[in-house]
Amino acid sequence: YMIGAYTYDVQSPFIILTNTFFQNAFSGMLEWEKSMREDFLPLIQVSHPKEISYGTVNGPFEDALVSNVDVRVLKNDKSEIILLYAFADKDTLVITTTETALKFILDRLLTVRTIQ
């Protein structure tokens, strides 16, 4: 795993995780979506300081496409993306708080794999 921050034009913490069984990881992420906002609230507040805890109430994640990769996004009441995750490949999961950071990370991960 890797924990870091993308800080070029926005402040956005990120987490990169690896897994060994995509089917379990994917279904586990869908299940985790129920509590993910609360679990990652401290990271969300780095990029979106006005976000506060709403208890156990979470909006649903939505499907999106970023850098030709399927992404799951969570939006706040103002329809701003506050958390998103994507599988860069079947073994690598990226979780971050802004679309800009996710694009950069996915581009870097996919470029490295293409060159190798």
C-alpha atoms as a PDB file:
ATOM      1  CA  TYR A   1       0.000   0.000   0.000  1.00  0.00           C
ATOM      2  CA  MET A   2       0.962   3.635  -0.331  1.00  0.00           C
ATOM      3  CA  ILE A   3      -0.415   6.750   1.332  1.00  0.00           C
ATOM      4  CA  GLY A   4       0.436  10.152  -0.107  1.00  0.00           C
ATOM      5  CA  ALA A   5      -0.806  13.539  -1.185  1.00  0.00           C
ATOM      6  CA  TYR A   6      -1.232  15.094  -4.612  1.00  0.00           C
ATOM      7  CA  THR A   7      -0.486  18.810  -4.200  1.00  0.00           C
ATOM      8  CA  TYR A   8       0.198  20.249  -7.645  1.00  0.00           C
ATOM      9  CA  ASP A   9      -2.933  22.382  -8.091  1.00  0.00           C
ATOM     10  CA  VAL A  10      -5.162  20.965  -5.329  1.00  0.00           C
ATOM     11  CA  GLN A  11      -4.515  19.269  -2.020  1.00  0.00           C
ATOM     12  CA  SER A  12      -5.711  15.713  -2.284  1.00  0.00           C
ATOM     13  CA  PRO A  13      -4.627  12.778  -0.145  1.00  0.00           C
ATOM     14  CA  PHE A  14      -4.632   9.367  -1.789  1.00  0.00           C
ATOM     15  CA  ILE A  15      -4.249   5.715  -0.921  1.00  0.00           C
ATOM     16  CA  ILE A  16      -3.049   3.033  -3.303  1.00  0.00           C
ATOM     17  CA  LEU A  17      -3.788  -0.556  -2.292  1.00  0.00           C
ATOM     18  CA  THR A  18      -2.947  -3.849  -3.918  1.00  0.00           C
ATOM     19  CA  ASN A  19      -4.996  -7.014  -3.808  1.00  0.00           C
ATOM     20  CA  THR A  20      -4.613 -10.587  -4.948  1.00  0.00           C
ATOM     21  CA  PHE A  21      -8.212 -11.485  -5.783  1.00  0.00           C
ATOM     22  CA  PHE A  22     -10.123  -8.887  -7.806  1.00  0.00           C
ATOM     23  CA  GLN A  23     -13.580 -10.426  -7.366  1.00  0.00           C
ATOM     24  CA  ASN A  24     -13.408 -10.210  -3.563  1.00  0.00           C
ATOM     25  CA  ALA A  25     -11.833  -6.755  -3.654  1.00  0.00           C
ATOM     26  CA  PHE A  26     -14.511  -5.392  -5.981  1.00  0.00           C
ATOM     27  CA  SER A  27     -17.435  -6.806  -4.010  1.00  0.00           C
ATOM     28  CA  GLY A  28     -15.784  -5.694  -0.774  1.00  0.00           C
ATOM     29  CA  MET A  29     -15.502  -2.127  -2.067  1.00  0.00           C
ATOM     30  CA  LEU A  30     -19.182  -2.092  -3.029  1.00  0.00           C
ATOM     31  CA  GLU A  31     -20.057  -3.250   0.482  1.00  0.00           C
ATOM     32  CA  TRP A  32     -17.663  -0.731   2.068  1.00  0.00           C
ATOM     33  CA  GLU A  33     -19.350   2.149   0.213  1.00  0.00           C
ATOM     34  CA  LYS A  34     -21.988   2.175   2.964  1.00  0.00           C
ATOM     35  CA  SER A  35     -19.509   3.497   5.532  1.00  0.00           C
ATOM     36  CA  MET A  36     -16.686   4.814   3.378  1.00  0.00           C
ATOM     37  CA  ARG A  37     -17.602   8.496   3.771  1.00  0.00           C
ATOM     38  CA  GLU A  38     -17.350   8.300   7.552  1.00  0.00           C
ATOM     39  CA  ASP A  39     -14.217   6.145   7.444  1.00  0.00           C
ATOM     40  CA  PHE A  40     -12.421   8.614   5.178  1.00  0.00           C
ATOM     41  CA  LEU A  41     -13.866  11.858   6.572  1.00  0.00           C
ATOM     42  CA  PRO A  42     -10.476  13.088   7.894  1.00  0.00           C
ATOM     43  CA  LEU A  43      -8.962  12.624   4.417  1.00  0.00           C
ATOM     44  CA  ILE A  44     -11.983  14.188   2.732  1.00  0.00           C
ATOM     45  CA  GLN A  45     -11.641  17.265   4.948  1.00  0.00           C
ATOM     46  CA  VAL A  46      -8.108  17.921   3.645  1.00  0.00           C
ATOM     47  CA  SER A  47      -9.535  18.695   0.184  1.00  0.00           C
ATOM     48  CA  HIS A  48     -13.015  19.722   1.282  1.00  0.00           C
ATOM     49  CA  PRO A  49     -12.665  21.375   4.728  1.00  0.00           C
ATOM     50  CA  LYS A  50     -16.365  22.238   5.008  1.00  0.00           C
ATOM     51  CA  GLU A  51     -17.457  18.587   4.906  1.00  0.00           C
ATOM     52  CA  ILE A  52     -18.745  17.405   8.254  1.00  0.00           C
ATOM     53  CA  SER A  53     -19.963  14.145   9.701  1.00  0.00           C
ATOM     54  CA  TYR A  54     -23.585  13.287   9.009  1.00  0.00           C
ATOM     55  CA  GLY A  55     -23.674  10.189  11.215  1.00  0.00           C
ATOM     56  CA  THR A  56     -24.445   7.088   9.208  1.00  0.00           C
ATOM     57  CA  VAL A  57     -26.254   8.857   6.352  1.00  0.00           C
ATOM     58  CA  ASN A  58     -24.362   8.576   3.067  1.00  0.00           C
ATOM     59  CA  GLY A  59     -25.354   9.446  -0.464  1.00  0.00           C
ATOM     60  CA  PRO A  60     -24.988   6.645  -2.973  1.00  0.00           C
ATOM     61  CA  PHE A  61     -21.823   6.240  -4.988  1.00  0.00           C
ATOM     62  CA  GLU A  62     -22.222   6.740  -8.727  1.00  0.00           C
ATOM     63  CA  ASP A  63     -20.425   5.322 -11.741  1.00  0.00           C
ATOM     64  CA  ALA A  64     -18.150   7.639 -13.722  1.00  0.00           C
ATOM     65  CA  LEU A  65     -15.272   7.456 -16.197  1.00  0.00           C
ATOM     66  CA  VAL A  66     -11.863   9.056 -15.578  1.00  0.00           C
ATOM     67  CA  SER A  67      -8.928   8.531 -17.960  1.00  0.00           C
ATOM     68  CA  ASN A  68     -10.873   5.672 -19.606  1.00  0.00           C
ATOM     69  CA  VAL A  69     -11.131   3.848 -16.262  1.00  0.00           C
ATOM     70  CA  ASP A  70     -14.403   3.020 -14.514  1.00  0.00           C
ATOM     71  CA  VAL A  71     -14.652   4.990 -11.272  1.00  0.00           C
ATOM     72  CA  ARG A  72     -17.066   5.098  -8.343  1.00  0.00           C
ATOM     73  CA  VAL A  73     -17.673   8.646  -7.041  1.00  0.00           C
ATOM     74  CA  LEU A  74     -19.364  10.063  -3.963  1.00  0.00           C
ATOM     75  CA  LYS A  75     -20.780  13.579  -4.174  1.00  0.00           C
ATOM     76  CA  ASN A  76     -21.857  15.966  -1.454  1.00  0.00           C
ATOM     77  CA  ASP A  77     -25.122  17.925  -1.304  1.00  0.00           C
ATOM     78  CA  LYS A  78     -23.703  20.476  -3.783  1.00  0.00           C
ATOM     79  CA  SER A  79     -22.928  17.710  -6.327  1.00  0.00           C
ATOM     80  CA  GLU A  80     -19.169  18.146  -5.787  1.00  0.00           C
ATOM     81  CA  ILE A  81     -17.062  14.998  -5.858  1.00  0.00           C
ATOM     82  CA  ILE A  82     -15.645  14.415  -2.383  1.00  0.00           C
ATOM     83  CA  LEU A  83     -14.398  10.820  -2.636  1.00  0.00           C
ATOM     84  CA  LEU A  84     -13.681   8.482  -5.508  1.00  0.00           C
ATOM     85  CA  TYR A  85     -12.000   5.173  -6.131  1.00  0.00           C
ATOM     86  CA  ALA A  86     -10.954   3.130  -9.113  1.00  0.00           C
ATOM     87  CA  PHE A  87      -9.168  -0.067  -9.957  1.00  0.00           C
ATOM     88  CA  ALA A  88      -6.206   0.984 -12.109  1.00  0.00           C
ATOM     89  CA  ASP A  89      -5.891  -2.702 -12.974  1.00  0.00           C
ATOM     90  CA  LYS A  90      -7.148  -5.916 -11.394  1.00  0.00           C
ATOM     91  CA  ASP A  91      -4.454  -5.729  -8.695  1.00  0.00           C
ATOM     92  CA  THR A  92      -4.334  -2.002  -7.872  1.00  0.00           C
ATOM     93  CA  LEU A  93      -6.956   0.177  -6.180  1.00  0.00           C
ATOM     94  CA  VAL A  94      -6.697   3.968  -5.891  1.00  0.00           C
ATOM     95  CA  ILE A  95      -8.783   5.991  -3.408  1.00  0.00           C
ATOM     96  CA  THR A  96      -8.613   9.803  -3.400  1.00  0.00           C
ATOM     97  CA  THR A  97     -10.676  12.962  -2.893  1.00  0.00           C
ATOM     98  CA  THR A  98     -10.439  14.841  -6.205  1.00  0.00           C
ATOM     99  CA  GLU A  99     -10.817  13.920  -9.845  1.00  0.00           C
ATOM    100  CA  THR A 100      -7.632  15.828 -10.706  1.00  0.00           C
ATOM    101  CA  ALA A 101      -5.568  13.689  -8.342  1.00  0.00           C
ATOM    102  CA  LEU A 102      -7.145  10.471  -9.607  1.00  0.00           C
ATOM    103  CA  LYS A 103      -6.407  11.393 -13.245  1.00  0.00           C
ATOM    104  CA  PHE A 104      -2.761  12.091 -12.413  1.00  0.00           C
ATOM    105  CA  ILE A 105      -2.310   8.903 -10.373  1.00  0.00           C
ATOM    106  CA  LEU A 106      -4.039   6.685 -12.942  1.00  0.00           C
ATOM    107  CA  ASP A 107      -2.022   8.223 -15.776  1.00  0.00           C
ATOM    108  CA  ARG A 108       1.218   7.612 -13.857  1.00  0.00           C
ATOM    109  CA  LEU A 109       0.310   4.033 -12.921  1.00  0.00           C
ATOM    110  CA  LEU A 110      -0.846   3.129 -16.413  1.00  0.00           C
ATOM    111  CA  THR A 111       2.192   4.781 -18.063  1.00  0.00           C
ATOM    112  CA  VAL A 112       4.606   2.838 -15.877  1.00  0.00           C
ATOM    113  CA  ARG A 113       2.869  -0.437 -16.707  1.00  0.00           C
ATOM    114  CA  THR A 114       2.853   0.341 -20.437  1.00  0.00           C
ATOM    115  CA  ILE A 115       6.588   1.011 -20.473  1.00  0.00           C
ATOM    116  CA  GLN A 116       7.445  -2.162 -18.568  1.00  0.00           C
END
